[in-house]
Amino acid sequence: QVQLVESGGGSVQPGGSLRVSCAASGFIFINYNMGWFRQAPGKEREFVATISWGTNFKNYAESVKGRFTISRDNAKNTVYLQMNSLQPEDTAVYYCAAFLKTTARSTRDQRDMDYWGKGTLVTVSS
């Protein structure tokens, strides 16, 4: 069955870095664009970044642009989110998502996502 399994979350001090990963299985990875969303305590889930199936298109939320980098390894069926200069407001559960490559690659709409992981918690605190 389809699985998206996030890993790499944890606690980090402000200004620090962390890389979260998402291992995909049960579907043809290169047929899907991939994305990251996050949900902070008491807030709704929001868009963070997406990457197209061929890696040539990347889309970022303004709040993370220049600090976060999304990437994918199609040979390993894995997508990554490198997070630098982390701030307390980045504290959230980070979710991996997949959407068919026939869907507009620029979408930020959660309703366009076909599959979701269960999330990994990132805490930024001194």
C-alpha atoms as a PDB file:
ATOM      1  CA  GLN A   1       0.000   0.000   0.000  1.00  0.00           C
ATOM      2  CA  VAL A   2       0.974   3.636  -0.327  1.00  0.00           C
ATOM      3  CA  GLN A   3       3.247   4.919   2.390  1.00  0.00           C
ATOM      4  CA  LEU A   4       4.941   8.238   3.040  1.00  0.00           C
ATOM      5  CA  VAL A   5       7.157   8.029   6.097  1.00  0.00           C
ATOM      6  CA  GLU A   6       8.770  11.172   7.444  1.00  0.00           C
ATOM      7  CA  SER A   7      11.891  11.165   9.610  1.00  0.00           C
ATOM      8  CA  GLY A   8      14.540  13.525  10.896  1.00  0.00           C
ATOM      9  CA  GLY A   9      12.442  15.763  13.093  1.00  0.00           C
ATOM     10  CA  GLY A  10      13.658  16.852  16.498  1.00  0.00           C
ATOM     11  CA  SER A  11      14.633  19.802  18.647  1.00  0.00           C
ATOM     12  CA  VAL A  12      17.022  22.519  17.573  1.00  0.00           C
ATOM     13  CA  GLN A  13      18.040  25.941  18.846  1.00  0.00           C
ATOM     14  CA  PRO A  14      17.150  29.120  16.975  1.00  0.00           C
ATOM     15  CA  GLY A  15      19.537  29.666  14.088  1.00  0.00           C
ATOM     16  CA  GLY A  16      20.191  25.958  13.768  1.00  0.00           C
ATOM     17  CA  SER A  17      19.603  23.539  10.920  1.00  0.00           C
ATOM     18  CA  LEU A  18      17.722  20.308  10.423  1.00  0.00           C
ATOM     19  CA  ARG A  19      16.960  18.039   7.482  1.00  0.00           C
ATOM     20  CA  VAL A  20      13.754  16.045   7.343  1.00  0.00           C
ATOM     21  CA  SER A  21      13.233  13.178   4.926  1.00  0.00           C
ATOM     22  CA  CYS A  22      10.235  11.387   3.470  1.00  0.00           C
ATOM     23  CA  ALA A  23      10.518   7.850   2.133  1.00  0.00           C
ATOM     24  CA  ALA A  24       7.827   6.881  -0.371  1.00  0.00           C
ATOM     25  CA  SER A  25       6.591   3.442  -1.300  1.00  0.00           C
ATOM     26  CA  GLY A  26       3.590   1.768  -2.915  1.00  0.00           C
ATOM     27  CA  PHE A  27       3.349   4.080  -5.930  1.00  0.00           C
ATOM     28  CA  ILE A  28       5.454   5.145  -8.901  1.00  0.00           C
ATOM     29  CA  PHE A  29       7.477   7.959  -7.390  1.00  0.00           C
ATOM     30  CA  ILE A  30       8.478   9.692 -10.637  1.00  0.00           C
ATOM     31  CA  ASN A  31       4.802  10.081 -11.573  1.00  0.00           C
ATOM     32  CA  TYR A  32       4.290  12.385  -8.636  1.00  0.00           C
ATOM     33  CA  ASN A  33       5.304  15.859  -7.607  1.00  0.00           C
ATOM     34  CA  MET A  34       6.150  16.067  -3.925  1.00  0.00           C
ATOM     35  CA  GLY A  35       5.570  18.623  -1.234  1.00  0.00           C
ATOM     36  CA  TRP A  36       5.984  19.611   2.380  1.00  0.00           C
ATOM     37  CA  PHE A  37       3.336  21.222   4.548  1.00  0.00           C
ATOM     38  CA  ARG A  38       3.413  22.083   8.228  1.00  0.00           C
ATOM     39  CA  GLN A  39       1.022  22.610  11.090  1.00  0.00           C
ATOM     40  CA  ALA A  40       2.028  24.737  14.060  1.00  0.00           C
ATOM     41  CA  PRO A  41       0.317  24.326  17.445  1.00  0.00           C
ATOM     42  CA  GLY A  42      -3.124  25.882  17.335  1.00  0.00           C
ATOM     43  CA  LYS A  43      -2.892  26.768  13.650  1.00  0.00           C
ATOM     44  CA  GLU A  44      -4.073  25.291  10.384  1.00  0.00           C
ATOM     45  CA  ARG A  45      -1.800  23.280   8.181  1.00  0.00           C
ATOM     46  CA  GLU A  46       0.026  25.424   5.623  1.00  0.00           C
ATOM     47  CA  PHE A  47       2.073  25.060   2.468  1.00  0.00           C
ATOM     48  CA  VAL A  48       5.878  25.006   2.792  1.00  0.00           C
ATOM     49  CA  ALA A  49       7.378  23.808  -0.501  1.00  0.00           C
ATOM     50  CA  THR A  50       6.855  21.581  -3.506  1.00  0.00           C
ATOM     51  CA  ILE A  51       9.139  20.030  -6.107  1.00  0.00           C
ATOM     52  CA  SER A  52       8.200  18.699  -9.506  1.00  0.00           C
ATOM     53  CA  TRP A  53       8.780  15.075 -10.498  1.00  0.00           C
ATOM     54  CA  GLY A  54      11.801  16.003 -12.603  1.00  0.00           C
ATOM     55  CA  THR A  55      13.214  18.432  -9.996  1.00  0.00           C
ATOM     56  CA  ASN A  56      13.268  21.361 -12.434  1.00  0.00           C
ATOM     57  CA  PHE A  57      10.508  23.280 -10.650  1.00  0.00           C
ATOM     58  CA  LYS A  58      10.486  24.234  -6.991  1.00  0.00           C
ATOM     59  CA  ASN A  59       7.971  26.372  -5.162  1.00  0.00           C
ATOM     60  CA  TYR A  60       8.376  27.892  -1.696  1.00  0.00           C
ATOM     61  CA  ALA A  61       6.248  29.750   0.798  1.00  0.00           C
ATOM     62  CA  GLU A  62       7.488  33.290   1.315  1.00  0.00           C
ATOM     63  CA  SER A  63       8.124  32.579   4.976  1.00  0.00           C
ATOM     64  CA  VAL A  64      10.759  29.945   4.192  1.00  0.00           C
ATOM     65  CA  LYS A  65      12.228  31.191   0.914  1.00  0.00           C
ATOM     66  CA  GLY A  66      16.003  31.521   1.163  1.00  0.00           C
ATOM     67  CA  ARG A  67      16.154  29.375   4.317  1.00  0.00           C
ATOM     68  CA  PHE A  68      14.613  26.038   3.262  1.00  0.00           C
ATOM     69  CA  THR A  69      15.562  23.850   0.303  1.00  0.00           C
ATOM     70  CA  ILE A  70      13.448  21.032  -1.075  1.00  0.00           C
ATOM     71  CA  SER A  71      15.071  18.232  -3.044  1.00  0.00           C
ATOM     72  CA  ARG A  72      14.355  14.687  -4.117  1.00  0.00           C
ATOM     73  CA  ASP A  73      16.257  11.549  -5.048  1.00  0.00           C
ATOM     74  CA  ASN A  74      14.190   9.568  -7.526  1.00  0.00           C
ATOM     75  CA  ALA A  75      16.542   6.585  -7.261  1.00  0.00           C
ATOM     76  CA  LYS A  76      15.781   6.376  -3.531  1.00  0.00           C
ATOM     77  CA  ASN A  77      12.103   7.390  -3.698  1.00  0.00           C
ATOM     78  CA  THR A  78      12.859  10.054  -1.132  1.00  0.00           C
ATOM     79  CA  VAL A  79      12.164  13.758  -0.771  1.00  0.00           C
ATOM     80  CA  TYR A  80      14.054  16.037   1.591  1.00  0.00           C
ATOM     81  CA  LEU A  81      13.597  19.404   3.237  1.00  0.00           C
ATOM     82  CA  GLN A  82      16.781  21.119   4.375  1.00  0.00           C
ATOM     83  CA  MET A  83      15.913  23.785   6.920  1.00  0.00           C
ATOM     84  CA  ASN A  84      18.464  26.445   7.853  1.00  0.00           C
ATOM     85  CA  SER A  85      18.284  29.512  10.089  1.00  0.00           C
ATOM     86  CA  LEU A  86      15.402  27.963  11.965  1.00  0.00           C
ATOM     87  CA  GLN A  87      13.264  30.211  14.130  1.00  0.00           C
ATOM     88  CA  PRO A  88      10.745  29.446  16.876  1.00  0.00           C
ATOM     89  CA  GLU A  89       7.923  30.190  14.438  1.00  0.00           C
ATOM     90  CA  ASP A  90       9.090  27.208  12.347  1.00  0.00           C
ATOM     91  CA  THR A  91       8.018  24.885  15.161  1.00  0.00           C
ATOM     92  CA  ALA A  92       5.427  22.552  13.686  1.00  0.00           C
ATOM     93  CA  VAL A  93       4.599  19.060  12.588  1.00  0.00           C
ATOM     94  CA  TYR A  94       5.976  18.707   9.073  1.00  0.00           C
ATOM     95  CA  TYR A  95       3.997  16.583   6.623  1.00  0.00           C
ATOM     96  CA  CYS A  96       5.120  15.061   3.361  1.00  0.00           C
ATOM     97  CA  ALA A  97       2.615  14.908   0.490  1.00  0.00           C
ATOM     98  CA  ALA A  98       2.450  13.579  -3.058  1.00  0.00           C
ATOM     99  CA  PHE A  99       0.353  14.750  -6.019  1.00  0.00           C
ATOM    100  CA  LEU A 100       0.110  13.448  -9.553  1.00  0.00           C
ATOM    101  CA  LYS A 101       2.368  15.169 -12.065  1.00  0.00           C
ATOM    102  CA  THR A 102      -0.686  15.944 -14.184  1.00  0.00           C
ATOM    103  CA  THR A 103      -1.800  18.351 -11.451  1.00  0.00           C
ATOM    104  CA  ALA A 104      -0.560  21.916 -11.811  1.00  0.00           C
ATOM    105  CA  ARG A 105       2.944  21.843 -10.400  1.00  0.00           C
ATOM    106  CA  SER A 106       2.527  25.329  -8.922  1.00  0.00           C
ATOM    107  CA  THR A 107      -0.370  24.305  -6.711  1.00  0.00           C
ATOM    108  CA  ARG A 108      -0.208  25.074  -3.007  1.00  0.00           C
ATOM    109  CA  ASP A 109      -3.636  23.671  -2.311  1.00  0.00           C
ATOM    110  CA  GLN A 110      -3.765  20.813   0.160  1.00  0.00           C
ATOM    111  CA  ARG A 111      -6.870  19.517  -1.601  1.00  0.00           C
ATOM    112  CA  ASP A 112      -4.716  18.682  -4.615  1.00  0.00           C
ATOM    113  CA  MET A 113      -2.555  16.281  -2.614  1.00  0.00           C
ATOM    114  CA  ASP A 114      -3.211  12.609  -3.250  1.00  0.00           C
ATOM    115  CA  TYR A 115      -1.176  11.043  -0.450  1.00  0.00           C
ATOM    116  CA  TRP A 116      -0.016  12.215   2.960  1.00  0.00           C
ATOM    117  CA  GLY A 117       2.473  11.088   5.553  1.00  0.00           C
ATOM    118  CA  LYS A 118       1.797  11.133   9.282  1.00  0.00           C
ATOM    119  CA  GLY A 119       4.241  13.912  10.032  1.00  0.00           C
ATOM    120  CA  THR A 120       7.393  14.568  12.010  1.00  0.00           C
ATOM    121  CA  LEU A 121       7.704  17.160  14.771  1.00  0.00           C
ATOM    122  CA  VAL A 122      10.252  19.956  14.545  1.00  0.00           C
ATOM    123  CA  THR A 123      10.730  22.098  17.636  1.00  0.00           C
ATOM    124  CA  VAL A 124      12.821  25.260  17.583  1.00  0.00           C
ATOM    125  CA  SER A 125      13.525  26.543  21.061  1.00  0.00           C
ATOM    126  CA  SER A 126      16.333  27.854  23.213  1.00  0.00           C
END
